[in-house]
Each structure stands twice: as structure tokens, then as C-alpha cells.
Amino acid sequence: QFQLVESGGGLVQPGGSLRLSCAASGFTLEHYAIGWFRQAPGKEREGVSCISSSNGNIGYADSVKGRFTIARDNAKSTVFLQMNSLQPEDTGTYYCAGDEDLDFGSSCPGLAIYDYRGQGTQVTVSS
């Protein structure tokens, strides 16, 4: 069964860091584009970052540019989201989504484009 599994969430103080992981179960992520999304209670879902399947393109929401970094480790079939300088407004459930052989230009695709989606991991930034 094809699944994406997120991990790495938790409670962190403002200014702290977390590294989220998106791992594949039942398949490898090597040829998959991965998008990270987040949603906080009472707020709309927001695309956070994305990495294309093969053309090397990467995208970030303006709200996280310079603080978050997305990267893939094909050997581990995992895509990471390194989150630094976290702020309370970064609080939410983060989930990853994947689609095979998806390349994009300068903008991240919306969630509807992706075939697979994980269950999410909670990130809470609070003092």
C-alpha cells in the first residue's frame, strides 16, 4: 500500500528549529514531486514548500523563505523540511503530498495536483 508518513513535529519555543520528514512506504520517492502544506485551526490551508521530481526546482511560500529548507534524500526515500527561526504563526498540522513525475516552474502546485497525501504531523511553536 502506498503511503506517505510525516514525522518530526513537536513543541518548540519561538526561534527554535525542527526537521520534518516525509517518508514513503510501499514505493520510493526518487521520481516524485513532494509538497509540504500546513493548516492551523481556523485558518486556510497554506502551501509551504515543494520540490520537483526531476528538474531540481524548489519553491517556498513567502512566509517561510529564508527560514525553511526542503531537500530530498533518495537513498532514504525521504524528503526533509528543515524549519529554522520558528514563530508562533508557524504552528499547525504539517503534511506532505506526492505526485510521480511532476515537474513545475516557479510556483508550487496546489494540493489537488498530488496523488498521495500523508496524515500530518503537529508543529506547535509556543513559549
Foldseek 3Di string as FASTA:
>chain_A
DWAWAKDWADEAAQQAKIKMKIAIDPDACQQKKKWKWWDDPPDDIDTAKIAHNPPGDIEGDPVQPPFWDWDDDRVRSMIMIIGGRDDQVVWGWMKMFIAGNDDDDHDDDDPVVGDHIHPTDTHGYHD
